[in-house]
Structure formats: C-alpha cells, structure tokens
Amino acid sequence: MPRPKRTLMRYKQPQITSIITGQISQINTQSPAGPALHFYHRAMDLRRQYPDVSLFLASDACIEMLYATLLSWDMNSRRAKMKDYSDFKSNLQGNAAGFTTVAAAAASFTWANRAPVIQSFSTLFDTLELMKTNEKVVSNSKCMHFVFPDLCVPVDNSTFEKLYGTNSKDKDRFLEVLDFSYDILAGIQNPQQYLDPPQNLKWNTCVTKLVDNAIILL
C-alpha cells in the first residue's frame, strides 16, 4: 500500500481543488490538440465500445490504438523507447488477468473503499513492461489510464516535480499520487460537472484527467 503522503502534496491539495472547480477549462488553451488529443479520444472511444477489458485487450485494433496513443504522448522520444509492437502486444495480452483483477476491484470502488483498486494496480504495475528502456512509471500509468480512465491518473516527470519538488519517481510514489488524486476527487462535490462535453473533444475527459490537468496548470 502507498506510504503516507508527503507534506508538499497535502499543501498542494487546496490549490489543485481550486483549479479543478474554477480554472480547469484553461487546459484546453494551454495544451495543444494535435495527434496526442486525437489518439487519446480514439482510445477512449474504443474502450467504451469494449467495456469488458478482456475483450478490449483481445482486439488488435484496441492494442494498436494504445500503441499509437502512447507514441503520441511522447513515450518514444528523447530517452524513452517503446518496445516493438509485437512485444508490446504480447506483454499487454499476457497481463490480461491483471487487468481483469483491476476491473473486478473497480466494481466495488468508492473513494472510501479504494484499497482493492490501488492494490490491483500495484500488482499489475509489477508485470507491465511496455518499454525497451528502464522507464516504466510514466508508460505504465499512461497505459493504465487509457484502459481505466476513471481510476488511474497518468503521471510524468512534471507531476513529480510539482508534487514532490523533484522528478525522482518510482512505483511507490506513483501509488501515492494515485491515492492523492482520490483524496482530491473525494473532496469535490460531483467532479463530473467539470468535464468537457464529450462531443467537444477536449482534454477534460474523465475525473482522473481533471486532477492531472490541474497539476499541469499549477
């Protein structure tokens, strides 16, 4: 289970909450649209078409869309190198049981009953290997977000810099941020009201992305 949340994260919580409830639409002018947004919405559309996660992972079209979306989200640039498609697909489909366990835990998820979901993400994280390079915190969080958008917050280096004051990251810190995101959303009445209308194809797509976007806007 996650370690106790750091003081800096707690200090940031009111500010993040204020951004979600009052300024979150600014993300749509600050962040570019382009391929990253296009493929993100395509991935989420496919996930809605395949609500059974095992069927989603069995679909070549869905796996290809995850691959394209991660690519558009800079997971194959600079020092980050994604696995070849066949290895990427093999690892995702080889982890179908882990994804199914998350889905089962999600059936009873509430802000107060979060431990089973966090534990299932922790277990899945250990065997999800999508990169040729050692970097897995960012790639795993993003991929799990695409598959479970309402449950998993995507993270990157800037997430840790803004919440911890350093871009040092590991699995435990990712789980802390995940738990922290639930704290934020639990403290907002009806966070879904701050989402963009689906037809607008903007960045505020789901509740965990509200948290991620608010951190970006810090």
Protein backbone atom coordinates (compact mmCIF):
# COMPACT_ATOMS: atom_id res chain seq x y z
CA MET A 1 0.00 0.00 0.00
CA PRO A 2 1.15 3.59 -0.55
CA ARG A 3 3.38 5.25 2.01
CA PRO A 4 1.96 8.24 3.92
CA LYS A 5 1.51 11.17 1.59
CA ARG A 6 4.19 13.83 1.72
CA THR A 7 3.61 17.23 3.30
CA LEU A 8 4.16 19.06 -0.01
CA MET A 9 1.39 17.07 -1.68
CA ARG A 10 -1.02 17.90 1.13
CA TYR A 11 -0.06 21.55 0.86
CA LYS A 12 -0.91 21.50 -2.85
CA GLN A 13 -4.33 19.87 -2.43
CA PRO A 14 -6.42 23.07 -1.89
CA GLN A 15 -4.75 24.72 -4.88
CA ILE A 16 -5.40 21.72 -7.12
CA THR A 17 -9.01 21.58 -5.95
CA SER A 18 -9.44 25.30 -6.69
CA ILE A 19 -8.09 24.85 -10.22
CA ILE A 20 -10.49 21.98 -10.92
CA THR A 21 -13.52 23.89 -9.68
CA GLY A 22 -12.65 27.26 -11.18
CA GLN A 23 -9.96 27.19 -13.86
CA ILE A 24 -9.81 23.72 -15.38
CA SER A 25 -11.06 24.86 -18.81
CA GLN A 26 -7.74 26.71 -19.24
CA ILE A 27 -6.05 23.40 -20.06
CA ASN A 28 -7.76 23.43 -23.45
CA THR A 29 -5.99 26.62 -24.50
CA GLN A 30 -2.67 25.80 -22.84
CA SER A 31 -2.23 22.24 -24.13
CA PRO A 32 -2.07 21.62 -27.88
CA ALA A 33 -4.65 19.50 -29.63
CA GLY A 34 -2.97 17.62 -32.48
CA PRO A 35 -2.19 13.87 -32.51
CA ALA A 36 -2.00 13.48 -28.71
CA LEU A 37 -5.58 14.59 -28.22
CA HIS A 38 -6.90 12.83 -31.33
CA PHE A 39 -5.50 9.41 -30.44
CA TYR A 40 -6.48 9.86 -26.77
CA HIS A 41 -10.12 10.28 -27.72
CA ARG A 42 -9.92 7.39 -30.17
CA ALA A 43 -8.51 5.13 -27.43
CA MET A 44 -11.28 6.16 -25.04
CA ASP A 45 -13.93 5.61 -27.72
CA LEU A 46 -12.69 2.07 -28.27
CA ARG A 47 -12.65 1.39 -24.54
CA ARG A 48 -16.30 2.43 -24.34
CA GLN A 49 -17.06 0.09 -27.24
CA TYR A 50 -15.33 -2.76 -25.35
CA PRO A 51 -16.45 -2.41 -21.72
CA ASP A 52 -15.19 -5.92 -20.97
CA VAL A 53 -11.46 -5.36 -20.52
CA SER A 54 -10.55 -8.88 -21.62
CA LEU A 55 -12.31 -8.30 -24.96
CA PHE A 56 -10.65 -4.91 -25.27
CA LEU A 57 -7.20 -6.47 -24.88
CA ALA A 58 -8.08 -9.29 -27.29
CA SER A 59 -8.75 -6.75 -30.06
CA ASP A 60 -5.82 -5.94 -32.34
CA ALA A 61 -7.43 -2.57 -33.16
CA CYS A 62 -7.53 -1.65 -29.47
CA ILE A 63 -3.92 -2.70 -28.85
CA GLU A 64 -2.80 -0.73 -31.90
CA MET A 65 -4.66 2.32 -30.62
CA LEU A 66 -2.95 2.05 -27.21
CA TYR A 67 0.39 1.84 -29.02
CA ALA A 68 -0.39 4.89 -31.17
CA THR A 69 -1.68 6.90 -28.22
CA LEU A 70 1.41 6.22 -26.11
CA LEU A 71 3.55 7.19 -29.09
CA SER A 72 1.63 10.46 -29.46
CA TRP A 73 2.08 11.08 -25.73
CA ASP A 74 5.89 11.18 -26.20
CA MET A 75 6.68 7.68 -24.98
CA ASN A 76 9.10 7.08 -27.85
CA SER A 77 11.02 10.35 -27.78
CA ARG A 78 14.19 11.57 -26.15
CA ARG A 79 15.41 8.76 -23.87
CA ALA A 80 12.09 6.88 -23.81
CA LYS A 81 11.91 3.92 -26.19
CA MET A 82 8.82 1.79 -26.60
CA LYS A 83 9.01 -1.91 -27.31
CA ASP A 84 8.40 -3.14 -30.83
CA TYR A 85 4.70 -3.58 -31.48
CA SER A 86 4.71 -7.39 -31.28
CA ASP A 87 6.45 -7.34 -27.88
CA PHE A 88 4.17 -4.56 -26.66
CA LYS A 89 1.09 -6.53 -27.68
CA SER A 90 2.43 -9.73 -26.12
CA ASN A 91 3.06 -8.06 -22.78
CA LEU A 92 -0.35 -6.39 -22.66
CA GLN A 93 -2.24 -9.54 -23.58
CA GLY A 94 -0.05 -11.59 -21.24
CA ASN A 95 -1.26 -9.31 -18.43
CA ALA A 96 -4.96 -9.78 -19.23
CA ALA A 97 -5.54 -11.43 -15.86
CA GLY A 98 -4.05 -8.42 -14.06
CA PHE A 99 -6.27 -6.02 -15.97
CA THR A 100 -9.29 -8.22 -15.19
CA THR A 101 -8.40 -8.08 -11.48
CA VAL A 102 -8.43 -4.28 -11.63
CA ALA A 103 -11.82 -4.38 -13.34
CA ALA A 104 -13.18 -6.70 -10.65
CA ALA A 105 -11.93 -4.41 -7.88
CA ALA A 106 -13.43 -1.43 -9.68
CA ALA A 107 -16.90 -2.93 -9.36
CA SER A 108 -16.96 -2.07 -5.63
CA PHE A 109 -14.79 1.05 -5.80
CA THR A 110 -15.69 4.16 -3.83
CA TRP A 111 -13.48 6.97 -2.54
CA ALA A 112 -13.63 5.29 0.87
CA ASN A 113 -13.19 1.75 -0.48
CA ARG A 114 -10.16 2.38 -2.64
CA ALA A 115 -7.63 -0.10 -1.25
CA PRO A 116 -8.57 -3.07 -3.51
CA VAL A 117 -8.19 -0.94 -6.65
CA ILE A 118 -4.86 0.53 -5.55
CA GLN A 119 -3.57 -2.93 -4.67
CA SER A 120 -4.66 -4.35 -8.02
CA PHE A 121 -2.90 -1.51 -9.84
CA SER A 122 0.21 -2.18 -7.75
CA THR A 123 0.23 -5.85 -8.75
CA LEU A 124 -0.39 -5.09 -12.43
CA PHE A 125 2.32 -2.44 -12.41
CA ASP A 126 4.98 -5.03 -11.50
CA THR A 127 4.47 -7.15 -14.62
CA LEU A 128 3.52 -4.47 -17.14
CA GLU A 129 6.67 -3.93 -19.26
CA LEU A 130 5.99 -1.71 -22.28
CA MET A 131 9.37 -0.04 -22.76
CA LYS A 132 12.79 -1.06 -24.02
CA THR A 133 14.27 1.42 -21.56
CA ASN A 134 14.01 1.17 -17.79
CA GLU A 135 11.37 3.90 -17.58
CA LYS A 136 8.09 2.26 -16.62
CA VAL A 137 6.36 4.61 -14.16
CA VAL A 138 5.21 7.04 -16.84
CA SER A 139 4.43 4.45 -19.53
CA ASN A 140 2.54 2.17 -17.14
CA SER A 141 0.48 4.97 -15.61
CA LYS A 142 -0.48 6.30 -19.03
CA CYS A 143 -1.42 2.89 -20.39
CA MET A 144 -3.44 2.02 -17.28
CA HIS A 145 -5.14 5.41 -17.58
CA PHE A 146 -6.19 4.69 -21.16
CA VAL A 147 -7.68 1.36 -20.09
CA PHE A 148 -9.15 2.60 -16.78
CA PRO A 149 -9.62 6.35 -17.32
CA ASP A 150 -11.87 6.89 -14.29
CA LEU A 151 -9.49 5.11 -11.91
CA CYS A 152 -5.89 5.77 -12.89
CA VAL A 153 -4.24 9.18 -13.11
CA PRO A 154 -1.50 9.48 -15.76
CA VAL A 155 1.81 10.83 -14.46
CA ASP A 156 5.02 12.18 -15.96
CA ASN A 157 8.15 13.93 -14.75
CA SER A 158 6.36 17.24 -14.21
CA THR A 159 3.83 15.52 -11.94
CA PHE A 160 6.56 14.54 -9.51
CA GLU A 161 8.39 17.85 -9.84
CA LYS A 162 5.26 19.79 -8.88
CA LEU A 163 4.12 17.47 -6.10
CA TYR A 164 7.47 16.45 -4.62
CA GLY A 165 9.89 19.12 -5.76
CA THR A 166 11.90 16.50 -7.66
CA ASN A 167 11.34 14.38 -10.76
CA SER A 168 12.60 11.27 -8.96
CA LYS A 169 9.91 8.63 -9.35
CA ASP A 170 9.18 5.03 -8.53
CA LYS A 171 6.21 2.74 -8.13
CA ASP A 172 5.54 3.81 -4.53
CA ARG A 173 5.41 7.47 -5.49
CA PHE A 174 3.05 6.67 -8.34
CA LEU A 175 0.74 4.88 -5.89
CA GLU A 176 0.93 7.87 -3.55
CA VAL A 177 -0.12 10.18 -6.37
CA LEU A 178 -2.95 7.81 -7.26
CA ASP A 179 -4.18 7.80 -3.66
CA PHE A 180 -3.75 11.58 -3.51
CA SER A 181 -5.87 12.01 -6.64
CA TYR A 182 -8.68 10.07 -4.95
CA ASP A 183 -8.43 12.38 -1.91
CA ILE A 184 -8.83 15.40 -4.18
CA LEU A 185 -11.81 13.98 -6.07
CA ALA A 186 -13.47 12.80 -2.86
CA GLY A 187 -13.39 16.38 -1.62
CA ILE A 188 -15.17 17.82 -4.68
CA GLN A 189 -18.92 17.60 -4.95
CA ASN A 190 -19.82 15.95 -8.25
CA PRO A 191 -16.45 16.36 -10.01
CA GLN A 192 -18.05 15.13 -13.25
CA GLN A 193 -19.65 18.55 -13.65
CA TYR A 194 -16.23 19.95 -14.61
CA LEU A 195 -15.71 17.57 -17.53
CA ASP A 196 -15.84 18.84 -21.11
CA PRO A 197 -18.86 17.69 -23.14
CA PRO A 198 -17.77 14.50 -24.97
CA GLN A 199 -18.57 15.96 -28.37
CA ASN A 200 -16.11 18.83 -27.79
CA LEU A 201 -13.07 16.52 -27.98
CA LYS A 202 -11.09 18.45 -25.37
CA TRP A 203 -8.74 17.46 -22.53
CA ASN A 204 -11.10 17.22 -19.54
CA THR A 205 -12.28 13.75 -20.43
CA CYS A 206 -12.65 12.00 -17.06
CA VAL A 207 -12.24 12.69 -13.36
CA THR A 208 -8.63 11.50 -13.04
CA LYS A 209 -7.66 13.66 -16.01
CA LEU A 210 -9.13 16.64 -14.14
CA VAL A 211 -6.50 16.03 -11.45
CA ASP A 212 -3.73 15.57 -13.99
CA ASN A 213 -4.75 18.73 -15.84
CA ALA A 214 -4.93 20.73 -12.63
CA ILE A 215 -1.39 19.62 -11.74
CA ILE A 216 -0.25 20.72 -15.21
CA LEU A 217 -1.83 24.13 -14.56
CA LEU A 218 -0.15 24.59 -11.17
